[in-house]
Amino acid sequence: MRLLIATDAWHPQINGVVRSLEYMAAEAPRFGAEAVFVTPERFRSIPMPTYPEIRLSLAGPGSLADLLDEIRPTHVHIATEGPIGLATRLACIRQGRAFTTSYHTRFPEYVAARTGIPEAWSYGALRRFHRAARAMMVSTPSLERELTGRGFRNILRWTRGVDTVLFRPRGERILDASAPVFLYVGRVAVEKNLDAFLSLDLPGTKVVVGDGPSRLELERRYSDVRFLGSLTGEDLARVYASSDVFVFPSLTDTFGIVLIEALASGLPIAAFPVTGPLDVIGSSGCGVLKADLREAALAALAIPKDRCRAYGETFTWHESARQFFANIEKAHSRA
């Protein structure tokens, strides 16, 4: 398999889409595959309105058709619904190539939060985008049920993994902060519902790792919160291991790789009972999911860290990759 992966999400972005695709490429040789990426690095770009940290590529179907002819992939996977994804989709349709897609991000909710455009309009556009694919991959059972109810078809499951060597409990705590430490890691943007966490009356210290368009405003409003900016690798892993509870206030994430990074680091989860946390935590006993996020955060303090670590170790990138490449083979066999 020579797999072309077209994605609008790429470095310097730090998010679950980028991490997932990087791990798929790393695992590809174990499944007899080679991954070749088409990313924004190949095109000129412009800042995304309301979110200038993200660049929109000026990619057209003609350019993608040329790349398809040059790369000569046996399979094509479109990871995102942005300009590169749209151009790749159209080029594949024109050339009669089968392709798969994945649904990583709740764009309808994000667009509605930023612009007021009705979610129904965006979901209609997404249905049209994914309808031409041989299969659309989603990360969780609850997301599959929801999207099926919205008229999406040909859905296959693709779970996620975690680097349990990097993300692990550690003996030292590097944060000079009053315990307990309640941690959030992720984008600092309106769609992440951070006010629901930062406004809570909690003991100890609240810590935010990440960056985004809402950071300056939130720093101004919540002077008692420690904002550490974007961290990766060892620096990020040490902050996880220096915390006591991972608080996940998002109502719109499709999975939340940060959840399993936290679990692998020995952190219990406090979150709302919605898609993502419901699927990841399940009946594991490694988190508290309640409509009252403060109550969930305080109750999570009683959950043993070794239980969270053991459960976090069950999420592997090898199993994620096995599902991913099996889905591509299965979908293309339908062509």
C-alpha atoms as a PDB file:
ATOM      1  CA  MET A   1       0.000   0.000   0.000  1.00  0.00           C
ATOM      2  CA  ARG A   2       1.266   3.442  -0.970  1.00  0.00           C
ATOM      3  CA  LEU A   3      -1.130   5.691   0.925  1.00  0.00           C
ATOM      4  CA  LEU A   4      -1.544   9.370   0.186  1.00  0.00           C
ATOM      5  CA  ILE A   5      -2.903  11.228   3.241  1.00  0.00           C
ATOM      6  CA  ALA A   6      -4.295  14.673   2.481  1.00  0.00           C
ATOM      7  CA  THR A   7      -4.622  16.909   5.543  1.00  0.00           C
ATOM      8  CA  ASP A   8      -5.151  20.585   6.265  1.00  0.00           C
ATOM      9  CA  ALA A   9      -4.055  20.019   9.871  1.00  0.00           C
ATOM     10  CA  TRP A  10      -0.276  19.934  10.142  1.00  0.00           C
ATOM     11  CA  HIS A  11       2.689  21.531  11.874  1.00  0.00           C
ATOM     12  CA  PRO A  12       3.026  23.966  13.559  1.00  0.00           C
ATOM     13  CA  GLN A  13      -0.473  23.061  14.776  1.00  0.00           C
ATOM     14  CA  ILE A  14      -0.501  20.942  17.932  1.00  0.00           C
ATOM     15  CA  ASN A  15      -3.653  18.845  18.061  1.00  0.00           C
ATOM     16  CA  GLY A  16      -5.027  15.326  18.026  1.00  0.00           C
ATOM     17  CA  VAL A  17      -5.383  15.187  14.244  1.00  0.00           C
ATOM     18  CA  VAL A  18      -1.702  15.897  13.667  1.00  0.00           C
ATOM     19  CA  ARG A  19      -0.589  13.472  16.358  1.00  0.00           C
ATOM     20  CA  SER A  20      -2.849  10.697  15.067  1.00  0.00           C
ATOM     21  CA  LEU A  21      -1.595  11.016  11.502  1.00  0.00           C
ATOM     22  CA  GLU A  22       2.039  11.108  12.596  1.00  0.00           C
ATOM     23  CA  TYR A  23       1.601   7.861  14.502  1.00  0.00           C
ATOM     24  CA  MET A  24      -0.182   6.231  11.558  1.00  0.00           C
ATOM     25  CA  ALA A  25       2.810   7.067   9.354  1.00  0.00           C
ATOM     26  CA  ALA A  26       5.219   5.677  11.957  1.00  0.00           C
ATOM     27  CA  GLU A  27       3.253   2.424  12.238  1.00  0.00           C
ATOM     28  CA  ALA A  28       2.637   2.064   8.488  1.00  0.00           C
ATOM     29  CA  PRO A  29       5.637  -0.206   7.682  1.00  0.00           C
ATOM     30  CA  ARG A  30       4.379  -2.758  10.213  1.00  0.00           C
ATOM     31  CA  PHE A  31       1.262  -3.116   8.066  1.00  0.00           C
ATOM     32  CA  GLY A  32       3.033  -3.268   4.713  1.00  0.00           C
ATOM     33  CA  ALA A  33       2.255   0.366   3.947  1.00  0.00           C
ATOM     34  CA  GLU A  34       4.007   3.621   3.139  1.00  0.00           C
ATOM     35  CA  ALA A  35       2.378   6.969   4.004  1.00  0.00           C
ATOM     36  CA  VAL A  36       2.970  10.064   1.870  1.00  0.00           C
ATOM     37  CA  PHE A  37       1.503  13.351   3.105  1.00  0.00           C
ATOM     38  CA  VAL A  38      -0.026  16.253   1.241  1.00  0.00           C
ATOM     39  CA  THR A  39      -0.040  19.088   3.782  1.00  0.00           C
ATOM     40  CA  PRO A  40      -0.161  22.917   3.861  1.00  0.00           C
ATOM     41  CA  GLU A  41       3.634  22.951   3.550  1.00  0.00           C
ATOM     42  CA  ARG A  42       3.207  22.402  -0.201  1.00  0.00           C
ATOM     43  CA  PHE A  43       1.020  25.492  -0.812  1.00  0.00           C
ATOM     44  CA  ARG A  44       0.741  29.200  -0.191  1.00  0.00           C
ATOM     45  CA  SER A  45      -1.742  30.011   2.555  1.00  0.00           C
ATOM     46  CA  ILE A  46      -3.762  32.748   4.228  1.00  0.00           C
ATOM     47  CA  PRO A  47      -4.835  33.186   7.886  1.00  0.00           C
ATOM     48  CA  MET A  48      -8.143  31.621   8.840  1.00  0.00           C
ATOM     49  CA  PRO A  49     -10.757  34.272   9.724  1.00  0.00           C
ATOM     50  CA  THR A  50     -11.292  34.531  13.525  1.00  0.00           C
ATOM     51  CA  TYR A  51      -8.422  32.059  14.100  1.00  0.00           C
ATOM     52  CA  PRO A  52      -5.251  33.440  12.423  1.00  0.00           C
ATOM     53  CA  GLU A  53      -3.027  30.815  14.071  1.00  0.00           C
ATOM     54  CA  ILE A  54      -4.480  28.343  11.560  1.00  0.00           C
ATOM     55  CA  ARG A  55      -3.534  28.846   7.913  1.00  0.00           C
ATOM     56  CA  LEU A  56      -5.821  27.989   4.993  1.00  0.00           C
ATOM     57  CA  SER A  57      -3.984  26.545   1.999  1.00  0.00           C
ATOM     58  CA  LEU A  58      -4.545  27.930  -1.483  1.00  0.00           C
ATOM     59  CA  ALA A  59      -4.829  24.457  -2.994  1.00  0.00           C
ATOM     60  CA  GLY A  60      -6.881  23.635  -6.077  1.00  0.00           C
ATOM     61  CA  PRO A  61      -7.966  20.372  -7.684  1.00  0.00           C
ATOM     62  CA  GLY A  62      -5.526  20.912 -10.561  1.00  0.00           C
ATOM     63  CA  SER A  63      -2.557  21.005  -8.191  1.00  0.00           C
ATOM     64  CA  LEU A  64      -3.822  17.936  -6.388  1.00  0.00           C
ATOM     65  CA  ALA A  65      -4.352  16.088  -9.655  1.00  0.00           C
ATOM     66  CA  ASP A  66      -0.716  16.759 -10.522  1.00  0.00           C
ATOM     67  CA  LEU A  67       0.389  15.480  -7.115  1.00  0.00           C
ATOM     68  CA  LEU A  68      -1.709  12.343  -7.502  1.00  0.00           C
ATOM     69  CA  ASP A  69      -0.053  11.682 -10.849  1.00  0.00           C
ATOM     70  CA  GLU A  70       3.372  12.329  -9.324  1.00  0.00           C
ATOM     71  CA  ILE A  71       2.947  10.285  -6.140  1.00  0.00           C
ATOM     72  CA  ARG A  72       0.970   7.481  -7.795  1.00  0.00           C
ATOM     73  CA  PRO A  73      -0.728   6.238  -4.614  1.00  0.00           C
ATOM     74  CA  THR A  74      -2.525   2.913  -4.436  1.00  0.00           C
ATOM     75  CA  HIS A  75      -4.880   4.361  -1.817  1.00  0.00           C
ATOM     76  CA  VAL A  76      -6.009   7.860  -0.801  1.00  0.00           C
ATOM     77  CA  HIS A  77      -7.212   9.046   2.597  1.00  0.00           C
ATOM     78  CA  ILE A  78      -8.599  12.560   3.156  1.00  0.00           C
ATOM     79  CA  ALA A  79      -8.187  13.479   6.809  1.00  0.00           C
ATOM     80  CA  THR A  80      -9.784  16.934   6.891  1.00  0.00           C
ATOM     81  CA  GLU A  81     -12.560  18.878   5.191  1.00  0.00           C
ATOM     82  CA  GLY A  82     -10.510  22.054   4.547  1.00  0.00           C
ATOM     83  CA  PRO A  83      -9.120  23.405   1.259  1.00  0.00           C
ATOM     84  CA  ILE A  84      -6.649  20.531   0.777  1.00  0.00           C
ATOM     85  CA  GLY A  85      -9.328  17.973   1.595  1.00  0.00           C
ATOM     86  CA  LEU A  86     -11.811  19.593  -0.783  1.00  0.00           C
ATOM     87  CA  ALA A  87      -9.277  19.816  -3.611  1.00  0.00           C
ATOM     88  CA  THR A  88      -8.162  16.212  -3.120  1.00  0.00           C
ATOM     89  CA  ARG A  89     -11.757  15.008  -3.048  1.00  0.00           C
ATOM     90  CA  LEU A  90     -12.571  16.741  -6.337  1.00  0.00           C
ATOM     91  CA  ALA A  91      -9.356  15.538  -7.995  1.00  0.00           C
ATOM     92  CA  CYS A  92     -10.097  11.940  -6.954  1.00  0.00           C
ATOM     93  CA  ILE A  93     -13.655  12.146  -8.254  1.00  0.00           C
ATOM     94  CA  ARG A  94     -12.466  13.524 -11.592  1.00  0.00           C
ATOM     95  CA  GLN A  95      -9.866  10.765 -11.898  1.00  0.00           C
ATOM     96  CA  GLY A  96     -12.218   8.017 -10.746  1.00  0.00           C
ATOM     97  CA  ARG A  97     -10.088   7.231  -7.675  1.00  0.00           C
ATOM     98  CA  ALA A  98     -11.613   5.670  -4.578  1.00  0.00           C
ATOM     99  CA  PHE A  99     -10.812   7.372  -1.288  1.00  0.00           C
ATOM    100  CA  THR A 100     -11.641   7.275   2.408  1.00  0.00           C
ATOM    101  CA  THR A 101     -12.210  10.146   4.829  1.00  0.00           C
ATOM    102  CA  SER A 102     -12.202  10.692   8.573  1.00  0.00           C
ATOM    103  CA  TYR A 103     -14.309  12.865  10.848  1.00  0.00           C
ATOM    104  CA  HIS A 104     -12.079  14.443  13.486  1.00  0.00           C
ATOM    105  CA  THR A 105     -13.647  17.787  14.311  1.00  0.00           C
ATOM    106  CA  ARG A 106     -17.122  19.112  15.036  1.00  0.00           C
ATOM    107  CA  PHE A 107     -16.887  21.967  12.571  1.00  0.00           C
ATOM    108  CA  PRO A 108     -20.649  22.723  12.657  1.00  0.00           C
ATOM    109  CA  GLU A 109     -20.508  23.462  16.380  1.00  0.00           C
ATOM    110  CA  TYR A 110     -17.260  25.440  16.045  1.00  0.00           C
ATOM    111  CA  VAL A 111     -18.564  27.482  13.109  1.00  0.00           C
ATOM    112  CA  ALA A 112     -21.825  28.192  14.919  1.00  0.00           C
ATOM    113  CA  ALA A 113     -19.931  29.338  18.029  1.00  0.00           C
ATOM    114  CA  ARG A 114     -17.773  31.736  16.009  1.00  0.00           C
ATOM    115  CA  THR A 115     -20.128  32.984  13.293  1.00  0.00           C
ATOM    116  CA  GLY A 116     -23.701  32.075  14.207  1.00  0.00           C
ATOM    117  CA  ILE A 117     -24.136  29.998  11.038  1.00  0.00           C
ATOM    118  CA  PRO A 118     -26.749  27.287  11.809  1.00  0.00           C
ATOM    119  CA  GLU A 119     -25.289  23.850  12.541  1.00  0.00           C
ATOM    120  CA  ALA A 120     -27.757  22.237  10.109  1.00  0.00           C
ATOM    121  CA  TRP A 121     -26.173  24.088   7.182  1.00  0.00           C
ATOM    122  CA  SER A 122     -22.671  22.925   8.080  1.00  0.00           C
ATOM    123  CA  TYR A 123     -23.803  19.338   8.668  1.00  0.00           C
ATOM    124  CA  GLY A 124     -25.400  19.358   5.224  1.00  0.00           C
ATOM    125  CA  ALA A 125     -22.103  20.432   3.674  1.00  0.00           C
ATOM    126  CA  LEU A 126     -20.212  17.747   5.602  1.00  0.00           C
ATOM    127  CA  ARG A 127     -22.654  15.033   4.505  1.00  0.00           C
ATOM    128  CA  ARG A 128     -22.032  15.981   0.884  1.00  0.00           C
ATOM    129  CA  PHE A 129     -18.270  15.986   1.459  1.00  0.00           C
ATOM    130  CA  HIS A 130     -18.134  12.510   3.014  1.00  0.00           C
ATOM    131  CA  ARG A 131     -20.845  10.908   0.860  1.00  0.00           C
ATOM    132  CA  ALA A 132     -18.413  10.426  -2.025  1.00  0.00           C
ATOM    133  CA  ALA A 133     -15.982   8.458   0.163  1.00  0.00           C
ATOM    134  CA  ARG A 134     -15.906   4.655   0.261  1.00  0.00           C
ATOM    135  CA  ALA A 135     -15.936   4.976   4.053  1.00  0.00           C
ATOM    136  CA  MET A 136     -15.751   7.646   6.743  1.00  0.00           C
ATOM    137  CA  MET A 137     -13.808   6.837   9.919  1.00  0.00           C
ATOM    138  CA  VAL A 138     -14.904   8.031  13.362  1.00  0.00           C
ATOM    139  CA  SER A 139     -13.293   7.499  16.739  1.00  0.00           C
ATOM    140  CA  THR A 140     -16.101   6.427  19.072  1.00  0.00           C
ATOM    141  CA  PRO A 141     -19.373   4.458  19.179  1.00  0.00           C
ATOM    142  CA  SER A 142     -21.406   7.438  20.395  1.00  0.00           C
ATOM    143  CA  LEU A 143     -20.115   9.639  17.567  1.00  0.00           C
ATOM    144  CA  GLU A 144     -20.985   6.901  15.081  1.00  0.00           C
ATOM    145  CA  ARG A 145     -24.542   6.730  16.439  1.00  0.00           C
ATOM    146  CA  GLU A 146     -24.923  10.493  16.373  1.00  0.00           C
ATOM    147  CA  LEU A 147     -23.649  10.904  12.815  1.00  0.00           C
ATOM    148  CA  THR A 148     -25.746   7.972  11.603  1.00  0.00           C
ATOM    149  CA  GLY A 149     -28.748   9.797  12.992  1.00  0.00           C
ATOM    150  CA  ARG A 150     -27.681  12.875  11.029  1.00  0.00           C
ATOM    151  CA  GLY A 151     -27.645  10.952   7.755  1.00  0.00           C
ATOM    152  CA  PHE A 152     -23.970   9.981   7.428  1.00  0.00           C
ATOM    153  CA  ARG A 153     -23.310   6.552   5.931  1.00  0.00           C
ATOM    154  CA  ASN A 154     -20.477   4.008   5.415  1.00  0.00           C
ATOM    155  CA  ILE A 155     -18.995   4.654   8.857  1.00  0.00           C
ATOM    156  CA  LEU A 156     -16.061   2.628  10.180  1.00  0.00           C
ATOM    157  CA  ARG A 157     -14.472   2.840  13.634  1.00  0.00           C
ATOM    158  CA  TRP A 158     -10.920   4.084  14.210  1.00  0.00           C
ATOM    159  CA  THR A 159      -9.793   4.440  17.826  1.00  0.00           C
ATOM    160  CA  ARG A 160      -6.751   6.392  19.094  1.00  0.00           C
ATOM    161  CA  GLY A 161      -3.654   5.562  21.113  1.00  0.00           C
ATOM    162  CA  VAL A 162      -1.125   7.068  23.484  1.00  0.00           C
ATOM    163  CA  ASP A 163       2.655   6.933  23.941  1.00  0.00           C
ATOM    164  CA  THR A 164       2.799   5.225  27.331  1.00  0.00           C
ATOM    165  CA  VAL A 165       6.582   5.548  27.533  1.00  0.00           C
ATOM    166  CA  LEU A 166       6.453   9.337  27.311  1.00  0.00           C
ATOM    167  CA  PHE A 167       3.216   9.833  29.245  1.00  0.00           C
ATOM    168  CA  ARG A 168       3.667   8.069  32.567  1.00  0.00           C
ATOM    169  CA  PRO A 169       3.565   8.762  36.319  1.00  0.00           C
ATOM    170  CA  ARG A 170       6.797  10.297  37.613  1.00  0.00           C
ATOM    171  CA  GLY A 171       8.306  10.771  41.030  1.00  0.00           C
ATOM    172  CA  GLU A 172       8.929  14.501  40.801  1.00  0.00           C
ATOM    173  CA  ARG A 173       6.441  17.370  40.535  1.00  0.00           C
ATOM    174  CA  ILE A 174       7.883  20.247  38.514  1.00  0.00           C
ATOM    175  CA  LEU A 175       5.037  22.707  39.088  1.00  0.00           C
ATOM    176  CA  ASP A 176       5.545  25.208  41.868  1.00  0.00           C
ATOM    177  CA  ALA A 177       1.836  25.328  42.643  1.00  0.00           C
ATOM    178  CA  SER A 178      -0.458  24.659  45.572  1.00  0.00           C
ATOM    179  CA  ALA A 179      -2.004  21.194  45.509  1.00  0.00           C
ATOM    180  CA  PRO A 180      -4.282  19.819  44.306  1.00  0.00           C
ATOM    181  CA  VAL A 181      -3.469  20.791  40.720  1.00  0.00           C
ATOM    182  CA  PHE A 182      -6.387  20.706  38.277  1.00  0.00           C
ATOM    183  CA  LEU A 183      -5.049  20.582  34.704  1.00  0.00           C
ATOM    184  CA  TYR A 184      -6.439  21.358  31.250  1.00  0.00           C
ATOM    185  CA  VAL A 185      -4.452  20.662  28.062  1.00  0.00           C
ATOM    186  CA  GLY A 186      -5.677  21.702  24.627  1.00  0.00           C
ATOM    187  CA  ARG A 187      -6.666  24.569  22.401  1.00  0.00           C
ATOM    188  CA  VAL A 188      -7.539  27.777  24.207  1.00  0.00           C
ATOM    189  CA  ALA A 189     -10.547  28.741  22.133  1.00  0.00           C
ATOM    190  CA  VAL A 190     -14.242  29.450  22.589  1.00  0.00           C
ATOM    191  CA  GLU A 191     -15.359  26.010  21.423  1.00  0.00           C
ATOM    192  CA  LYS A 192     -13.442  24.319  24.275  1.00  0.00           C
ATOM    193  CA  ASN A 193     -15.817  25.773  26.904  1.00  0.00           C
ATOM    194  CA  LEU A 194     -12.934  26.729  29.191  1.00  0.00           C
ATOM    195  CA  ASP A 195     -15.042  29.145  31.241  1.00  0.00           C
ATOM    196  CA  ALA A 196     -16.853  26.122  32.653  1.00  0.00           C
ATOM    197  CA  PHE A 197     -13.538  25.012  34.210  1.00  0.00           C
ATOM    198  CA  LEU A 198     -11.791  28.285  34.983  1.00  0.00           C
ATOM    199  CA  SER A 199     -14.791  29.760  36.809  1.00  0.00           C
ATOM    200  CA  LEU A 200     -15.018  26.840  39.259  1.00  0.00           C
ATOM    201  CA  ASP A 201     -14.366  27.381  42.951  1.00  0.00           C
ATOM    202  CA  LEU A 202     -11.722  24.719  43.524  1.00  0.00           C
ATOM    203  CA  PRO A 203      -8.946  24.286  46.093  1.00  0.00           C
ATOM    204  CA  GLY A 204      -5.317  24.342  45.004  1.00  0.00           C
ATOM    205  CA  THR A 205      -4.345  25.547  41.528  1.00  0.00           C
ATOM    206  CA  LYS A 206      -5.844  25.517  38.055  1.00  0.00           C
ATOM    207  CA  VAL A 207      -3.316  25.084  35.212  1.00  0.00           C
ATOM    208  CA  VAL A 208      -3.874  25.534  31.476  1.00  0.00           C
ATOM    209  CA  VAL A 209      -1.478  24.181  28.846  1.00  0.00           C
ATOM    210  CA  GLY A 210      -2.119  25.322  25.288  1.00  0.00           C
ATOM    211  CA  ASP A 211      -2.591  28.382  23.156  1.00  0.00           C
ATOM    212  CA  GLY A 212      -5.261  29.911  20.973  1.00  0.00           C
ATOM    213  CA  PRO A 213      -7.308  33.009  20.212  1.00  0.00           C
ATOM    214  CA  SER A 214      -8.986  33.142  23.642  1.00  0.00           C
ATOM    215  CA  ARG A 215      -5.828  32.976  25.737  1.00  0.00           C
ATOM    216  CA  LEU A 216      -5.245  36.704  26.314  1.00  0.00           C
ATOM    217  CA  GLU A 217      -8.843  37.331  27.290  1.00  0.00           C
ATOM    218  CA  LEU A 218      -8.936  34.351  29.657  1.00  0.00           C
ATOM    219  CA  GLU A 219      -5.621  35.323  31.253  1.00  0.00           C
ATOM    220  CA  ARG A 220      -7.036  38.776  31.931  1.00  0.00           C
ATOM    221  CA  ARG A 221     -10.277  37.428  33.424  1.00  0.00           C
ATOM    222  CA  TYR A 222      -8.754  34.598  35.471  1.00  0.00           C
ATOM    223  CA  SER A 223      -5.618  35.987  37.101  1.00  0.00           C
ATOM    224  CA  ASP A 224      -5.494  33.089  39.583  1.00  0.00           C
ATOM    225  CA  VAL A 225      -5.010  30.494  36.799  1.00  0.00           C
ATOM    226  CA  ARG A 226      -1.548  29.420  35.624  1.00  0.00           C
ATOM    227  CA  PHE A 227      -1.304  29.638  31.821  1.00  0.00           C
ATOM    228  CA  LEU A 228       1.806  27.787  30.594  1.00  0.00           C
ATOM    229  CA  GLY A 229       1.346  28.172  26.829  1.00  0.00           C
ATOM    230  CA  SER A 230       1.955  25.360  24.336  1.00  0.00           C
ATOM    231  CA  LEU A 231       4.081  22.449  25.511  1.00  0.00           C
ATOM    232  CA  THR A 232       5.058  19.222  23.774  1.00  0.00           C
ATOM    233  CA  GLY A 233       7.038  16.072  24.409  1.00  0.00           C
ATOM    234  CA  GLU A 234       8.877  15.731  27.696  1.00  0.00           C
ATOM    235  CA  ASP A 235       7.840  19.189  28.914  1.00  0.00           C
ATOM    236  CA  LEU A 236       4.166  18.349  28.459  1.00  0.00           C
ATOM    237  CA  ALA A 237       4.520  14.875  29.977  1.00  0.00           C
ATOM    238  CA  ARG A 238       6.144  16.285  33.134  1.00  0.00           C
ATOM    239  CA  VAL A 239       3.272  18.740  33.636  1.00  0.00           C
ATOM    240  CA  TYR A 240       0.727  15.920  33.350  1.00  0.00           C
ATOM    241  CA  ALA A 241       2.675  13.933  35.951  1.00  0.00           C
ATOM    242  CA  SER A 242       2.798  16.964  38.268  1.00  0.00           C
ATOM    243  CA  SER A 243      -0.986  17.337  38.372  1.00  0.00           C
ATOM    244  CA  ASP A 244      -3.764  15.643  40.316  1.00  0.00           C
ATOM    245  CA  VAL A 245      -6.921  15.782  38.153  1.00  0.00           C
ATOM    246  CA  PHE A 246      -7.418  16.392  34.436  1.00  0.00           C
ATOM    247  CA  VAL A 247     -10.452  18.599  33.829  1.00  0.00           C
ATOM    248  CA  PHE A 248     -11.999  18.397  30.355  1.00  0.00           C
ATOM    249  CA  PRO A 249     -14.780  20.982  29.949  1.00  0.00           C
ATOM    250  CA  SER A 250     -15.317  20.551  26.200  1.00  0.00           C
ATOM    251  CA  LEU A 251     -18.789  19.645  24.976  1.00  0.00           C
ATOM    252  CA  THR A 252     -17.786  19.240  21.328  1.00  0.00           C
ATOM    253  CA  ASP A 253     -14.701  17.000  21.066  1.00  0.00           C
ATOM    254  CA  THR A 254     -15.040  13.800  19.070  1.00  0.00           C
ATOM    255  CA  PHE A 255     -12.523  11.859  21.185  1.00  0.00           C
ATOM    256  CA  GLY A 256      -9.896  13.816  23.139  1.00  0.00           C
ATOM    257  CA  ILE A 257      -6.403  12.312  22.872  1.00  0.00           C
ATOM    258  CA  VAL A 258      -5.491  14.469  25.864  1.00  0.00           C
ATOM    259  CA  LEU A 259      -7.813  12.280  27.934  1.00  0.00           C
ATOM    260  CA  ILE A 260      -5.747   9.161  27.373  1.00  0.00           C
ATOM    261  CA  GLU A 261      -2.480  11.093  27.728  1.00  0.00           C
ATOM    262  CA  ALA A 262      -3.746  12.146  31.159  1.00  0.00           C
ATOM    263  CA  LEU A 263      -4.831   8.606  32.050  1.00  0.00           C
ATOM    264  CA  ALA A 264      -1.460   7.174  31.003  1.00  0.00           C
ATOM    265  CA  SER A 265       0.141   9.790  33.279  1.00  0.00           C
ATOM    266  CA  GLY A 266      -1.970   8.533  36.183  1.00  0.00           C
ATOM    267  CA  LEU A 267      -4.540  11.343  36.203  1.00  0.00           C
ATOM    268  CA  PRO A 268      -8.245  10.760  36.820  1.00  0.00           C
ATOM    269  CA  ILE A 269     -10.652  12.656  34.573  1.00  0.00           C
ATOM    270  CA  ALA A 270     -13.376  15.158  35.445  1.00  0.00           C
ATOM    271  CA  ALA A 271     -15.660  15.972  32.525  1.00  0.00           C
ATOM    272  CA  PHE A 272     -19.204  16.397  31.334  1.00  0.00           C
ATOM    273  CA  PRO A 273     -21.080  13.208  30.284  1.00  0.00           C
ATOM    274  CA  VAL A 274     -20.772  13.814  26.532  1.00  0.00           C
ATOM    275  CA  THR A 275     -19.249  12.167  23.444  1.00  0.00           C
ATOM    276  CA  GLY A 276     -15.532  11.710  23.993  1.00  0.00           C
ATOM    277  CA  PRO A 277     -15.379  11.381  27.784  1.00  0.00           C
ATOM    278  CA  LEU A 278     -18.290   8.918  27.820  1.00  0.00           C
ATOM    279  CA  ASP A 279     -16.528   6.687  25.296  1.00  0.00           C
ATOM    280  CA  VAL A 280     -13.012   6.982  26.723  1.00  0.00           C
ATOM    281  CA  ILE A 281     -13.888   6.624  30.410  1.00  0.00           C
ATOM    282  CA  GLY A 282     -16.836   4.238  30.051  1.00  0.00           C
ATOM    283  CA  SER A 283     -17.126   1.962  33.079  1.00  0.00           C
ATOM    284  CA  SER A 284     -13.395   2.067  33.849  1.00  0.00           C
ATOM    285  CA  GLY A 285     -13.797   3.942  37.122  1.00  0.00           C
ATOM    286  CA  CYS A 286     -11.039   6.319  36.037  1.00  0.00           C
ATOM    287  CA  GLY A 287     -13.100   9.472  35.907  1.00  0.00           C
ATOM    288  CA  VAL A 288     -16.176  11.288  37.141  1.00  0.00           C
ATOM    289  CA  LEU A 289     -18.595  12.519  34.484  1.00  0.00           C
ATOM    290  CA  LYS A 290     -21.274  14.867  35.773  1.00  0.00           C
ATOM    291  CA  ALA A 291     -23.215  17.930  34.710  1.00  0.00           C
ATOM    292  CA  ASP A 292     -21.765  19.609  37.821  1.00  0.00           C
ATOM    293  CA  LEU A 293     -18.107  19.914  36.774  1.00  0.00           C
ATOM    294  CA  ARG A 294     -16.964  21.167  40.196  1.00  0.00           C
ATOM    295  CA  GLU A 295     -18.466  18.119  41.882  1.00  0.00           C
ATOM    296  CA  ALA A 296     -16.811  15.889  39.271  1.00  0.00           C
ATOM    297  CA  ALA A 297     -13.399  17.521  39.787  1.00  0.00           C
ATOM    298  CA  LEU A 298     -13.501  17.151  43.573  1.00  0.00           C
ATOM    299  CA  ALA A 299     -14.749  13.553  43.417  1.00  0.00           C
ATOM    300  CA  ALA A 300     -12.022  12.615  40.932  1.00  0.00           C
ATOM    301  CA  LEU A 301      -9.376  13.362  43.584  1.00  0.00           C
ATOM    302  CA  ALA A 302     -10.314  10.079  45.297  1.00  0.00           C
ATOM    303  CA  ILE A 303      -9.578   7.892  42.240  1.00  0.00           C
ATOM    304  CA  PRO A 304      -6.308   5.898  42.552  1.00  0.00           C
ATOM    305  CA  LYS A 305      -3.606   6.968  40.107  1.00  0.00           C
ATOM    306  CA  ASP A 306      -2.448   3.400  39.475  1.00  0.00           C
ATOM    307  CA  ARG A 307      -5.932   2.487  38.253  1.00  0.00           C
ATOM    308  CA  CYS A 308      -5.789   5.345  35.724  1.00  0.00           C
ATOM    309  CA  ARG A 309      -2.318   4.340  34.555  1.00  0.00           C
ATOM    310  CA  ALA A 310      -3.345   0.713  34.035  1.00  0.00           C
ATOM    311  CA  TYR A 311      -6.363   1.760  31.996  1.00  0.00           C
ATOM    312  CA  GLY A 312      -4.359   4.283  29.968  1.00  0.00           C
ATOM    313  CA  GLU A 313      -1.984   1.488  28.948  1.00  0.00           C
ATOM    314  CA  THR A 314      -4.824  -0.271  27.102  1.00  0.00           C
ATOM    315  CA  PHE A 315      -4.854   2.459  24.414  1.00  0.00           C
ATOM    316  CA  THR A 316      -2.047   1.714  21.938  1.00  0.00           C
ATOM    317  CA  TRP A 317      -1.072   3.339  18.680  1.00  0.00           C
ATOM    318  CA  HIS A 318      -0.420  -0.121  17.224  1.00  0.00           C
ATOM    319  CA  GLU A 319      -4.079  -1.080  17.660  1.00  0.00           C
ATOM    320  CA  SER A 320      -5.138   2.312  16.314  1.00  0.00           C
ATOM    321  CA  ALA A 321      -3.003   1.776  13.211  1.00  0.00           C
ATOM    322  CA  ARG A 322      -4.294  -1.783  12.760  1.00  0.00           C
ATOM    323  CA  GLN A 323      -7.850  -0.445  12.615  1.00  0.00           C
ATOM    324  CA  PHE A 324      -6.869   2.443  10.348  1.00  0.00           C
ATOM    325  CA  PHE A 325      -5.129   0.366   7.665  1.00  0.00           C
ATOM    326  CA  ALA A 326      -7.717  -2.426   7.879  1.00  0.00           C
ATOM    327  CA  ASN A 327     -10.449   0.159   7.295  1.00  0.00           C
ATOM    328  CA  ILE A 328      -8.670   1.488   4.216  1.00  0.00           C
ATOM    329  CA  GLU A 329      -8.278  -1.999   2.751  1.00  0.00           C
ATOM    330  CA  LYS A 330     -11.907  -2.839   3.518  1.00  0.00           C
ATOM    331  CA  ALA A 331     -13.211   0.396   2.025  1.00  0.00           C
ATOM    332  CA  HIS A 332     -11.175   0.141  -1.155  1.00  0.00           C
ATOM    333  CA  SER A 333     -12.302  -3.447  -1.666  1.00  0.00           C
ATOM    334  CA  ARG A 334     -15.785  -1.975  -2.163  1.00  0.00           C
ATOM    335  CA  ALA A 335     -14.598   0.201  -5.062  1.00  0.00           C
END
